[in-house]
Structures are given as structure tokens and as C-alpha cells.
């Protein structure tokens, strides 16, 4: 849980981060400079469900998962956030999901009220916020649609999504565990592992380790996404 008193007041000029290959705009620099850096250890909670949504967050390093615990004790992961991603956006005044650091993670913490005030004065910042919001909406829609596909389609779609978001070309270093992937895709960990092994047996991917995936045949994988 992030308490307001725990947020550093100094400006984090040295903590700005962007996606691989992306050149930051003046607007993004302005937003980044509003943020204060905070570090979270692996599995540490960044904020909890139903807590006040007073801050936005941008991943500097590491990775973050958002999730909800269901009434039967299962965990549904809503999204994964990687360096350069902004999370914590809410339509209301409280968080609808909890957020945790997947690994040791550094984030920029940005006061929501201050950012909204800046957006009211700066059209560039307002446009950037709209872009971030639209991206989150698209990601949520894609996730919902993925959950009605077959297990193989879900796993393949996830791998292709991660390949488009991380540096490394056909080699993906996954920050999340197989259990995280299962809870994101609405599958059991056994189904995820079995599907990964099947894809390796068909030479579509290679699995040097549980966290490393090499895409050996992108065209074949693309045909499996449904």
C-alpha cells in the first residue's frame, strides 16, 4: 500500500523511461518530470483494490501485474506492465484492481490531481493522457476477446504480444512466471506448460528455460492465433 507521506517530493529528472526505440516527446518529458521514483521489491504491493486512486505510475524498470482475487480464491491478472508503460488509470476515485511488482521494480509516482491540472493547461499533455487511456482500453478489450479463444490461441497470442513489447526480436525474456501467465489467460498452469511444450515439439518455439522463449516460426504462430 502506497501512503501519501511515502512519496518523495523531489522531481525525478533522472528517472524518465521510454519504450525501446522510442524517442521521448517534450510532453512525455513534462509528465515524467512530475514523477517521484519509488522502488518495490519482488511481490510487493504497490496499491490495493479499493484504495484511493490518487496517483498514476510509470514503470522505469522491472515489471508490474494488476489483479483481482475472485470470491473462490482464484486470481485473475488484468494486465502486465513493462518499462515505459503507465498504469493506475481509473475512471473513478478508487482502484478496481491491486498492483504488485513482479520483480524488483522501480516506478515513477505521479500525483493524479497535479497531472489533471497540467492537462487542463497543456493540450499536449491532455493528448498524451488520451493516448494512454485509449491504449489501456484497447488492451482491456483485446484481453477480454482472448479469454474466449482456445488454450493454444491464448498462449500463442500472449507470446506474440510479449514479443511486440519487449526488446530482443524473436527471443523473449519473460519477467512473469508460468502461474502469472495462467492467471492472465484464465488457464491452469498445467495447461500453459503443456501448450508451451506442444509448441516446442512442433518447432514453432524453443524453450531454453521457463522464462526464456524463442519464436522459431512466427508465420506458423500467426496462423494459430485464430
Protein backbone atom coordinates (compact mmCIF):
# COMPACT_ATOMS: atom_id res chain seq x y z
CA UNK A 1 0.00 0.00 0.00
CA UNK A 2 1.36 3.41 -1.00
CA UNK A 3 0.79 6.11 1.60
CA UNK A 4 0.86 9.76 0.50
CA UNK A 5 3.55 10.59 3.05
CA UNK A 6 5.83 7.97 1.46
CA UNK A 7 6.00 9.72 -1.90
CA UNK A 8 9.23 11.72 -2.32
CA UNK A 9 8.63 15.39 -3.06
CA UNK A 10 11.71 15.92 -5.23
CA UNK A 11 11.38 15.84 -9.00
CA UNK A 12 12.68 12.68 -10.64
CA UNK A 13 14.61 14.19 -13.53
CA UNK A 14 16.90 11.21 -13.80
CA UNK A 15 14.19 8.55 -13.72
CA UNK A 16 12.45 9.11 -17.05
CA UNK A 17 11.94 5.98 -19.12
CA UNK A 18 10.58 5.18 -22.54
CA UNK A 19 9.87 2.07 -24.54
CA UNK A 20 12.73 0.53 -26.54
CA UNK A 21 13.45 2.55 -29.68
CA UNK A 22 11.08 5.35 -28.67
CA UNK A 23 12.26 8.96 -28.55
CA UNK A 24 10.50 10.88 -25.74
CA UNK A 25 8.49 13.92 -26.71
CA UNK A 26 8.52 17.20 -24.79
CA UNK A 27 5.10 16.27 -23.44
CA UNK A 28 6.32 12.91 -22.14
CA UNK A 29 9.33 14.61 -20.58
CA UNK A 30 6.97 17.04 -18.80
CA UNK A 31 4.90 14.17 -17.42
CA UNK A 32 7.99 12.21 -16.35
CA UNK A 33 9.44 15.21 -14.54
CA UNK A 34 6.32 15.37 -12.37
CA UNK A 35 7.03 11.90 -11.05
CA UNK A 36 8.94 10.81 -7.96
CA UNK A 37 10.84 7.50 -8.15
CA UNK A 38 9.94 4.66 -5.81
CA UNK A 39 11.31 1.13 -5.64
CA UNK A 40 9.38 -2.03 -4.80
CA UNK A 41 10.77 -5.47 -4.05
CA UNK A 42 9.56 -8.60 -5.80
CA UNK A 43 5.88 -9.35 -4.98
CA UNK A 44 5.50 -6.10 -3.00
CA UNK A 45 2.12 -4.41 -3.24
CA UNK A 46 2.12 -1.03 -4.99
CA UNK A 47 -1.55 -0.34 -4.29
CA UNK A 48 -4.56 -2.39 -3.30
CA UNK A 49 -8.03 -2.83 -4.69
CA UNK A 50 -10.49 -0.16 -3.47
CA UNK A 51 -7.68 2.13 -2.27
CA UNK A 52 -7.85 5.79 -3.36
CA UNK A 53 -6.56 6.29 -6.91
CA UNK A 54 -4.58 9.41 -6.06
CA UNK A 55 -1.54 8.53 -8.17
CA UNK A 56 -0.56 7.30 -11.62
CA UNK A 57 2.53 5.16 -12.12
CA UNK A 58 5.08 4.66 -14.89
CA UNK A 59 7.38 1.64 -14.93
CA UNK A 60 11.06 2.59 -15.06
CA UNK A 61 12.49 -0.91 -14.63
CA UNK A 62 11.14 -4.32 -13.69
CA UNK A 63 7.53 -5.35 -14.30
CA UNK A 64 4.11 -4.99 -12.65
CA UNK A 65 0.94 -7.07 -12.63
CA UNK A 66 -2.57 -5.89 -11.78
CA UNK A 67 -5.02 -8.48 -10.48
CA UNK A 68 -8.25 -9.22 -8.65
CA UNK A 69 -8.86 -12.04 -6.19
CA UNK A 70 -12.11 -13.80 -7.04
CA UNK A 71 -14.64 -14.99 -4.47
CA UNK A 72 -13.49 -18.60 -4.85
CA UNK A 73 -9.88 -17.68 -4.12
CA UNK A 74 -8.63 -17.70 -7.70
CA UNK A 75 -6.56 -14.81 -9.01
CA UNK A 76 -7.35 -13.09 -12.30
CA UNK A 77 -4.50 -10.98 -13.65
CA UNK A 78 -5.76 -7.99 -15.60
CA UNK A 79 -2.56 -6.76 -17.24
CA UNK A 80 1.21 -6.78 -17.24
CA UNK A 81 3.15 -3.52 -17.35
CA UNK A 82 6.72 -3.24 -18.63
CA UNK A 83 9.25 -0.36 -18.71
CA UNK A 84 7.64 2.69 -20.31
CA UNK A 85 4.07 1.61 -19.50
CA UNK A 86 1.73 3.78 -17.42
CA UNK A 87 -0.70 2.10 -15.01
CA UNK A 88 -3.10 3.05 -12.25
CA UNK A 89 -5.52 4.92 -14.53
CA UNK A 90 -9.06 4.72 -13.17
CA UNK A 91 -12.42 6.13 -14.24
CA UNK A 92 -13.43 6.50 -10.59
CA UNK A 93 -11.79 7.58 -7.36
CA UNK A 94 -10.54 4.13 -6.24
CA UNK A 95 -8.52 1.33 -7.80
CA UNK A 96 -10.54 -1.52 -9.29
CA UNK A 97 -7.56 -3.91 -9.14
CA UNK A 98 -4.49 -4.41 -6.97
CA UNK A 99 -0.97 -3.90 -8.36
CA UNK A 100 2.18 -5.79 -7.41
CA UNK A 101 5.80 -5.75 -8.52
CA UNK A 102 6.61 -8.97 -10.38
CA UNK A 103 10.34 -8.50 -9.83
CA UNK A 104 12.38 -5.78 -8.14
CA UNK A 105 10.79 -2.76 -9.79
CA UNK A 106 11.24 0.99 -9.98
CA UNK A 107 8.33 3.26 -10.88
CA UNK A 108 7.62 6.95 -11.21
CA UNK A 109 4.74 8.03 -8.97
CA UNK A 110 2.74 10.93 -10.39
CA UNK A 111 0.11 12.85 -8.45
CA UNK A 112 -3.14 12.42 -10.34
CA UNK A 113 -4.58 15.79 -9.36
CA UNK A 114 -1.45 17.64 -10.48
CA UNK A 115 -1.39 15.81 -13.82
CA UNK A 116 -5.05 16.57 -14.49
CA UNK A 117 -4.40 20.23 -13.68
CA UNK A 118 -1.45 20.28 -16.10
CA UNK A 119 -3.56 18.64 -18.80
CA UNK A 120 -6.15 21.39 -18.41
CA UNK A 121 -3.46 23.96 -19.29
CA UNK A 122 -1.43 22.00 -21.83
CA UNK A 123 -3.08 20.45 -24.88
CA UNK A 124 -0.04 18.25 -25.48
CA UNK A 125 -0.34 16.68 -22.03
CA UNK A 126 -4.09 16.26 -22.49
CA UNK A 127 -3.48 14.50 -25.80
CA UNK A 128 -0.89 12.23 -24.22
CA UNK A 129 -3.30 11.27 -21.45
CA UNK A 130 -5.96 10.49 -24.05
CA UNK A 131 -3.49 8.27 -25.91
CA UNK A 132 -2.58 6.40 -22.73
CA UNK A 133 -6.26 5.94 -21.85
CA UNK A 134 -7.14 4.71 -25.35
CA UNK A 135 -4.23 2.25 -25.25
CA UNK A 136 -5.44 0.87 -21.92
CA UNK A 137 -8.98 0.47 -23.27
CA UNK A 138 -7.70 -1.36 -26.35
CA UNK A 139 -5.55 -3.63 -24.21
CA UNK A 140 -8.52 -4.47 -21.98
CA UNK A 141 -10.73 -5.22 -24.99
CA UNK A 142 -8.08 -7.46 -26.53
CA UNK A 143 -7.74 -9.32 -23.23
CA UNK A 144 -11.49 -9.97 -23.00
CA UNK A 145 -11.57 -11.29 -26.56
CA UNK A 146 -8.56 -13.53 -25.88
CA UNK A 147 -10.37 -15.25 -23.00
CA UNK A 148 -12.95 -16.79 -25.35
CA UNK A 149 -10.30 -18.42 -27.56
CA UNK A 150 -8.80 -21.90 -27.25
CA UNK A 151 -5.92 -22.51 -24.86
CA UNK A 152 -3.43 -22.72 -27.74
CA UNK A 153 -4.72 -19.49 -29.28
CA UNK A 154 -4.44 -17.73 -25.93
CA UNK A 155 -0.86 -18.85 -25.28
CA UNK A 156 0.30 -18.06 -28.82
CA UNK A 157 -1.41 -14.67 -28.73
CA UNK A 158 0.30 -13.90 -25.43
CA UNK A 159 3.74 -14.82 -26.76
CA UNK A 160 3.27 -12.66 -29.86
CA UNK A 161 2.04 -9.78 -27.71
CA UNK A 162 5.09 -10.03 -25.46
CA UNK A 163 7.39 -10.22 -28.47
CA UNK A 164 5.97 -6.91 -29.67
CA UNK A 165 6.52 -5.26 -26.28
CA UNK A 166 9.99 -6.37 -25.22
CA UNK A 167 13.42 -5.88 -26.76
CA UNK A 168 15.09 -8.93 -28.27
CA UNK A 169 13.41 -9.75 -31.58
CA UNK A 170 12.44 -13.42 -31.61
CA UNK A 171 13.87 -14.05 -28.15
CA UNK A 172 11.58 -13.17 -25.26
CA UNK A 173 12.76 -12.95 -21.65
CA UNK A 174 9.54 -13.22 -19.69
CA UNK A 175 9.54 -11.40 -16.33
CA UNK A 176 6.44 -13.29 -15.20
CA UNK A 177 6.06 -16.90 -14.05
CA UNK A 178 4.02 -19.63 -15.73
CA UNK A 179 1.47 -19.17 -12.92
CA UNK A 180 1.20 -15.48 -13.77
CA UNK A 181 0.63 -16.35 -17.43
CA UNK A 182 -2.02 -18.89 -16.47
CA UNK A 183 -3.84 -16.40 -14.25
CA UNK A 184 -3.72 -13.81 -17.04
CA UNK A 185 -5.06 -16.18 -19.70
CA UNK A 186 -7.67 -17.84 -17.49
CA UNK A 187 -5.98 -21.25 -17.75
CA UNK A 188 -4.33 -23.68 -15.36
CA UNK A 189 -0.55 -23.71 -15.06
CA UNK A 190 -0.61 -27.30 -16.34
CA UNK A 191 -2.43 -26.22 -19.50
CA UNK A 192 0.03 -23.39 -20.12
CA UNK A 193 3.03 -25.68 -19.65
CA UNK A 194 1.51 -28.42 -21.80
CA UNK A 195 0.72 -25.93 -24.58
CA UNK A 196 4.24 -24.48 -24.45
CA UNK A 197 5.71 -27.98 -24.73
CA UNK A 198 3.46 -28.79 -27.69
CA UNK A 199 4.54 -25.60 -29.48
CA UNK A 200 8.17 -26.57 -28.87
CA UNK A 201 7.54 -30.09 -30.18
CA UNK A 202 6.14 -28.64 -33.40
CA UNK A 203 9.23 -26.38 -33.76
CA UNK A 204 7.14 -23.20 -33.51
CA UNK A 205 9.08 -22.08 -30.43
CA UNK A 206 12.13 -23.05 -28.42
CA UNK A 207 12.25 -23.05 -24.61
CA UNK A 208 15.82 -22.62 -23.34
CA UNK A 209 14.31 -22.08 -19.85
CA UNK A 210 10.93 -21.49 -18.21
CA UNK A 211 11.35 -17.71 -18.54
CA UNK A 212 13.01 -17.61 -21.98
CA UNK A 213 11.13 -18.25 -25.23
CA UNK A 214 12.50 -18.16 -28.77
CA UNK A 215 9.97 -17.72 -31.57
CA UNK A 216 11.24 -20.03 -34.32
CA UNK A 217 8.33 -19.78 -36.75
CA UNK A 218 6.35 -16.54 -36.49
CA UNK A 219 4.23 -17.28 -39.56
CA UNK A 220 3.09 -20.59 -38.09
CA UNK A 221 2.35 -18.93 -34.77
CA UNK A 222 0.37 -16.21 -36.52
CA UNK A 223 -1.85 -18.85 -38.13
CA UNK A 224 -2.58 -20.31 -34.68
CA UNK A 225 -3.97 -17.12 -33.13
CA UNK A 226 -7.44 -17.58 -34.61
